[in-house]
Protein backbone atom coordinates (compact mmCIF):
# COMPACT_ATOMS: atom_id res chain seq x y z
CA UNK A 1 127.58 128.68 153.85
CA UNK A 2 125.23 131.30 155.33
CA UNK A 3 123.52 130.88 158.56
CA UNK A 4 119.79 129.11 158.22
CA UNK A 5 116.96 131.50 157.40
CA UNK A 6 115.24 132.96 160.57
CA UNK A 7 111.68 132.75 161.12
CA UNK A 8 109.50 134.70 158.77
CA UNK A 9 108.19 137.20 161.62
CA UNK A 10 111.75 137.99 162.75
CA UNK A 11 112.89 138.74 159.12
CA UNK A 12 109.58 140.91 158.70
CA UNK A 13 110.50 142.97 161.75
CA UNK A 14 114.16 143.53 160.59
CA UNK A 15 113.41 144.28 157.05
CA UNK A 16 110.47 146.48 157.75
CA UNK A 17 112.29 148.79 160.11
CA UNK A 18 112.65 151.35 157.40
CA UNK A 19 109.87 150.54 155.07
CA UNK A 20 107.22 150.16 157.68
CA UNK A 21 108.30 152.98 159.91
CA UNK A 22 106.23 156.06 159.48
CA UNK A 23 107.95 158.86 157.74
CA UNK A 24 109.19 161.78 160.13
CA UNK A 25 108.13 165.20 159.56
CA UNK A 26 110.34 167.45 157.63
CA UNK A 27 112.37 164.49 156.08
CA UNK A 28 113.76 165.34 152.62
CA UNK A 29 113.09 163.14 149.56
CA UNK A 30 116.03 160.94 148.75
CA UNK A 31 118.41 161.98 146.26
CA UNK A 32 117.42 159.12 143.82
CA UNK A 33 113.72 159.26 143.24
CA UNK A 34 113.85 156.05 141.15
CA UNK A 35 115.35 154.01 144.12
CA UNK A 36 112.84 155.70 146.61
CA UNK A 37 110.01 154.59 144.29
CA UNK A 38 111.53 151.15 144.09
CA UNK A 39 111.69 150.96 147.96
CA UNK A 40 108.06 152.20 148.34
CA UNK A 41 107.01 149.34 145.89
CA UNK A 42 108.92 146.72 147.40
CA UNK A 43 107.42 144.07 150.01
CA UNK A 44 109.45 144.18 153.29
CA UNK A 45 109.15 140.38 153.58
CA UNK A 46 110.28 139.08 150.12
CA UNK A 47 112.22 142.17 149.23
CA UNK A 48 110.66 142.05 145.76
CA UNK A 49 107.89 144.22 144.01
CA UNK A 50 104.65 143.81 145.37
CA UNK A 51 102.45 141.01 143.96
CA UNK A 52 98.78 141.11 144.78
CA UNK A 53 99.48 143.58 147.62
CA UNK A 54 97.07 143.78 150.44
CA UNK A 55 96.71 146.46 153.23
CA UNK A 56 96.17 145.92 156.91
CA UNK A 57 93.27 148.25 157.49
CA UNK A 58 94.19 148.77 161.44
CA UNK A 59 97.67 150.25 160.57
CA UNK A 60 97.85 150.77 156.83
CA UNK A 61 100.92 148.62 156.18
CA UNK A 62 101.08 146.67 152.93
CA UNK A 63 102.49 143.29 152.13
CA UNK A 64 102.21 140.54 149.40
CA UNK A 65 99.03 138.34 150.17
CA UNK A 66 101.27 135.16 149.76
CA UNK A 67 104.24 136.76 151.93
CA UNK A 68 101.97 137.94 154.81
CA UNK A 69 100.03 134.57 154.86
CA UNK A 70 103.29 132.29 154.62
CA UNK A 71 105.31 134.54 156.90
CA UNK A 72 102.74 134.63 159.79
CA UNK A 73 101.07 131.18 159.24
CA UNK A 74 97.51 130.51 158.53
CA UNK A 75 95.34 130.85 161.75
CA UNK A 76 91.54 130.51 161.97
CA UNK A 77 91.08 133.65 164.09
CA UNK A 78 93.69 136.35 163.98
CA UNK A 79 97.02 137.19 162.73
CA UNK A 80 99.74 139.42 164.19
CA UNK A 81 101.11 142.50 162.61
CA UNK A 82 104.65 142.13 161.32
CA UNK A 83 105.55 145.82 162.23
CA UNK A 84 103.19 146.79 165.10
CA UNK A 85 103.06 143.24 166.71
CA UNK A 86 99.34 143.74 167.17
CA UNK A 87 96.73 141.31 166.20
CA UNK A 88 93.99 141.60 163.50
CA UNK A 89 91.37 139.34 162.04
CA UNK A 90 92.08 138.11 158.57
CA UNK A 91 89.12 139.89 157.11
CA UNK A 92 91.02 143.16 157.97
CA UNK A 93 93.26 142.48 154.91
CA UNK A 94 92.29 144.75 151.99
CA UNK A 95 93.45 144.55 148.53
CA UNK A 96 95.34 147.54 147.45
CA UNK A 97 95.10 147.81 143.63
CA UNK A 98 96.54 151.32 143.36
CA UNK A 99 99.69 150.06 145.07
CA UNK A 100 99.76 147.09 142.65
CA UNK A 101 99.85 149.51 139.71
CA UNK A 102 102.48 151.58 141.29
CA UNK A 103 104.57 148.47 141.73
CA UNK A 104 104.19 147.60 138.08
CA UNK A 105 105.30 151.10 137.08
CA UNK A 106 108.19 150.82 139.42
CA UNK A 107 109.23 147.76 137.84
CA UNK A 108 109.06 149.02 134.36
CA UNK A 109 111.03 152.05 135.31
CA UNK A 110 113.74 149.80 136.77
CA UNK A 111 113.87 147.81 133.47
CA UNK A 112 114.28 150.96 131.59
CA UNK A 113 117.05 152.21 133.84
CA UNK A 114 118.75 148.72 133.80
CA UNK A 115 119.04 149.18 130.01
CA UNK A 116 120.63 152.56 130.08
CA UNK A 117 124.25 152.86 130.01
CA UNK A 118 125.65 152.92 133.69
CA UNK A 119 129.06 152.48 135.22
CA UNK A 120 128.60 148.77 135.45
CA UNK A 121 125.88 146.11 135.53
CA UNK A 122 123.12 146.40 138.12
CA UNK A 123 120.29 144.35 139.47
CA UNK A 124 117.29 144.34 137.25
CA UNK A 125 115.06 144.20 140.32
CA UNK A 126 116.69 146.36 143.03
CA UNK A 127 119.01 148.55 140.89
CA UNK A 128 121.97 147.84 143.07
CA UNK A 129 125.37 146.78 141.70
CA UNK A 130 125.89 143.08 141.07
CA UNK A 131 129.01 142.71 143.67
CA UNK A 132 128.03 138.92 144.61
CA UNK A 133 127.77 135.62 142.88
CA UNK A 134 125.37 132.79 143.72
CA UNK A 135 127.02 129.61 143.04
CA UNK A 136 123.98 127.39 143.29
CA UNK A 137 122.05 129.57 140.61
CA UNK A 138 125.23 130.44 138.91
CA UNK A 139 124.31 134.08 138.47
CA UNK A 140 125.45 137.46 139.79
CA UNK A 141 123.34 139.05 142.47
CA UNK A 142 123.25 142.22 144.44
CA UNK A 143 123.24 142.66 148.15
CA UNK A 144 119.63 142.88 148.42
CA UNK A 145 119.09 139.62 146.55
CA UNK A 146 121.46 138.11 148.98
CA UNK A 147 119.23 138.95 151.85
CA UNK A 148 116.09 137.69 150.08
CA UNK A 149 114.64 134.13 150.63
CA UNK A 150 115.49 133.12 147.34
CA UNK A 151 119.24 133.31 147.88
CA UNK A 152 119.39 133.22 151.85
CA UNK A 153 120.55 129.51 152.08
CA UNK A 154 122.90 129.68 149.21
CA UNK A 155 126.48 130.00 148.93
CA UNK A 156 127.47 133.53 147.91
CA UNK A 157 131.05 134.76 147.23
CA UNK A 158 132.26 138.19 145.83
CA UNK A 159 131.88 138.31 142.08
CA UNK A 160 135.54 139.22 141.54
CA UNK A 161 136.57 135.97 143.40
CA UNK A 162 134.02 134.01 141.44
CA UNK A 163 135.19 135.42 138.28
CA UNK A 164 138.89 134.64 139.05
CA UNK A 165 137.97 131.01 139.72
CA UNK A 166 136.13 130.56 136.62
CA UNK A 167 138.94 132.18 134.61
CA UNK A 168 141.44 129.76 135.92
CA UNK A 169 139.05 126.96 135.02
CA UNK A 170 138.50 128.48 131.43
CA UNK A 171 142.25 128.84 131.12
CA UNK A 172 142.81 125.32 131.80
CA UNK A 173 140.11 124.22 129.47
CA UNK A 174 141.43 126.77 126.99
CA UNK A 175 144.87 125.25 126.97
CA UNK A 176 143.36 121.76 126.31
CA UNK A 177 141.19 123.26 123.40
CA UNK A 178 144.33 124.89 121.95
CA UNK A 179 146.16 121.63 122.05
CA UNK A 180 143.52 119.69 120.36
CA UNK A 181 143.23 122.34 117.73
CA UNK A 182 146.79 122.23 116.92
CA UNK A 183 146.52 118.46 116.59
CA UNK A 184 143.65 118.84 114.27
CA UNK A 185 145.41 121.54 112.19
CA UNK A 186 148.47 119.11 111.81
CA UNK A 187 146.24 116.27 110.88
CA UNK A 188 144.52 118.35 108.41
CA UNK A 189 147.75 119.66 106.94
CA UNK A 190 149.12 115.96 106.66
CA UNK A 191 145.92 114.77 105.02
CA UNK A 192 145.88 117.77 102.68
CA UNK A 193 149.32 116.88 101.52
CA UNK A 194 148.39 113.15 101.20
CA UNK A 195 145.44 114.17 99.19
CA UNK A 196 147.50 116.38 96.83
CA UNK A 197 149.84 113.48 96.24
CA UNK A 198 146.92 111.02 95.45
CA UNK A 199 145.34 113.36 93.19
CA UNK A 200 148.56 113.89 91.12
CA UNK A 201 148.70 110.21 90.84
CA UNK A 202 145.14 109.99 89.70
CA UNK A 203 145.65 112.72 87.21
CA UNK A 204 148.85 110.93 85.69
CA UNK A 205 146.87 107.68 85.47
CA UNK A 206 143.97 109.50 83.62
CA UNK A 207 146.44 110.83 81.15
CA UNK A 208 147.82 107.58 80.45
CA UNK A 209 144.46 106.07 79.98
CA UNK A 210 143.43 108.67 77.80
CA UNK A 211 146.59 108.35 75.76
CA UNK A 212 146.46 104.64 75.53
CA UNK A 213 142.65 104.77 74.43
CA UNK A 214 143.66 107.35 71.79
CA UNK A 215 146.28 105.26 70.32
CA UNK A 216 143.77 102.32 70.47
CA UNK A 217 141.19 104.40 68.65
CA UNK A 218 143.63 105.25 66.01
CA UNK A 219 144.60 101.73 65.60
CA UNK A 220 141.02 100.46 65.38
CA UNK A 221 140.17 103.20 62.77
CA UNK A 222 143.09 102.07 60.61
CA UNK A 223 141.88 98.37 60.91
CA UNK A 224 138.27 99.53 60.09
CA UNK A 225 139.37 101.28 56.86
CA UNK A 226 141.51 98.38 55.80
CA UNK A 227 138.96 95.58 56.39
CA UNK A 228 136.14 97.87 54.95
CA UNK A 229 138.35 98.42 51.89
CA UNK A 230 139.02 94.77 51.35
CA UNK A 231 135.27 93.77 51.86
CA UNK A 232 134.51 96.65 49.32
CA UNK A 233 136.98 95.09 46.66
CA UNK A 234 135.47 91.66 47.44
CA UNK A 235 131.88 92.94 46.85
CA UNK A 236 132.82 94.52 43.64
CA UNK A 237 134.51 91.12 42.40
CA UNK A 238 131.51 89.04 43.41
CA UNK A 239 129.15 91.61 41.50
CA UNK A 240 131.56 91.37 38.56
CA UNK A 241 131.52 87.69 38.39
CA UNK A 242 127.79 87.38 39.04
CA UNK A 243 127.09 89.65 35.99
CA UNK A 244 129.46 87.70 33.74
CA UNK A 245 127.70 84.44 34.77
CA UNK A 246 124.47 85.63 34.16
CA UNK A 247 125.52 86.58 30.61
CA UNK A 248 126.97 83.22 29.93
CA UNK A 249 124.15 81.45 31.37
CA UNK A 250 121.80 83.33 29.34
CA UNK A 251 123.91 82.35 26.20
CA UNK A 252 124.05 78.63 27.30
CA UNK A 253 120.30 78.58 27.85
CA UNK A 254 119.61 80.12 24.41
CA UNK A 255 121.89 77.70 22.74
CA UNK A 256 120.43 74.78 24.57
CA UNK A 257 116.79 75.88 23.78
CA UNK A 258 117.78 75.95 20.02
CA UNK A 259 119.21 72.52 20.38
CA UNK A 260 116.11 71.22 22.01
CA UNK A 261 113.90 72.66 19.38
CA UNK A 262 115.91 71.20 16.72
CA UNK A 263 115.76 67.82 18.37
CA UNK A 264 112.22 68.14 18.87
CA UNK A 265 111.61 68.91 15.14
CA UNK A 266 113.80 66.09 14.06
CA UNK A 267 111.83 63.54 16.35
CA UNK A 268 108.55 64.74 14.65
CA UNK A 269 109.94 63.88 11.13
CA UNK A 270 108.73 60.69 9.22
CA UNK A 271 110.75 57.68 9.71
CA UNK A 272 112.55 58.05 6.28
CA UNK A 273 113.53 61.62 6.73
CA UNK A 274 114.35 61.07 10.34
CA UNK A 275 116.85 58.45 9.69
CA UNK A 276 118.24 60.34 6.78
CA UNK A 277 118.94 63.42 8.76
CA UNK A 278 119.84 61.56 11.88
CA UNK A 279 122.72 59.70 10.16
CA UNK A 280 122.98 57.33 13.14
CA UNK A 281 125.62 57.91 15.72
CA UNK A 282 127.14 61.09 13.89
CA UNK A 283 124.16 63.09 15.02
CA UNK A 284 124.36 62.09 18.74
CA UNK A 285 128.10 62.84 18.78
CA UNK A 286 127.29 66.32 17.53
CA UNK A 287 124.70 66.80 20.06
CA UNK A 288 126.92 65.76 22.90
CA UNK A 289 129.81 67.86 21.63
CA UNK A 290 127.50 70.94 21.73
CA UNK A 291 126.33 70.10 25.22
CA UNK A 292 129.80 69.40 26.52
CA UNK A 293 131.00 72.85 25.10
CA UNK A 294 128.02 74.78 26.64
CA UNK A 295 128.55 72.95 30.11
CA UNK A 296 132.38 73.46 30.03
CA UNK A 297 131.94 77.22 29.63
CA UNK A 298 129.65 77.64 32.54
CA UNK A 299 131.91 75.72 34.81
CA UNK A 300 134.86 77.88 34.11
CA UNK A 301 132.99 81.07 35.46
CA UNK A 302 132.10 79.91 39.06
CA UNK A 303 132.78 82.17 41.97
CA UNK A 304 136.38 82.02 43.31
């Protein structure tokens, strides 16, 4: 673990040794203009781009409003210069909108440079190489981020060391995953073979059922044709007998009707003629014979 953070004023004095110091006459511009612009747009307290920058009127130095207030503490009368160690009233803080615009431009420029191909990954904020790894935030950081308040109290290790440690952990988990994958593949292969066997059995049973039902359909069709043929023959026989009986009934009825008419005529005759034609029992015997002959013919033609 790193040492606990020092008071804000001491950190401001240490970090502002270069940013707050006046430029020496004749000093040449840095070889990297983008990095120089970034440094000019960075607060010497939070080491990040200016947010709502304010300028101390007495000395001309600039800080984030929140940083200067939090670092030096709120006082009712006056504050101390972080760089000059002089005192000034709070009303001498003047918003610096031009510097806010410059900070935004520097931030956009940094983002653009960050997206361009480089030799390696760099910090999006500070354009420094990501050589460290913050274990609390689980993210790569640069050396400038390591000195900032955000990561000052965090555990930071070289990125190669962190990468190697995580590679070992990943390798361990990778072996477990490979073993589980092999077991699943084995189960899958075994299950596939079992499924194929069951499918073959089901197909064989399906063919058997289809064959049996086809045979049953053939048998039922034959039985249907046989019984329908018998019923057809029986139907024809019944119709034939019905027609024959109808003819015989018609003849019998005609004969009986004639006999009835004859008997009615004899019954209307005078007594002398009636007795003479009747001739006693001989006439009754004749009538019974005709009736018996007619009824006997009908009885022999009933449905069998």
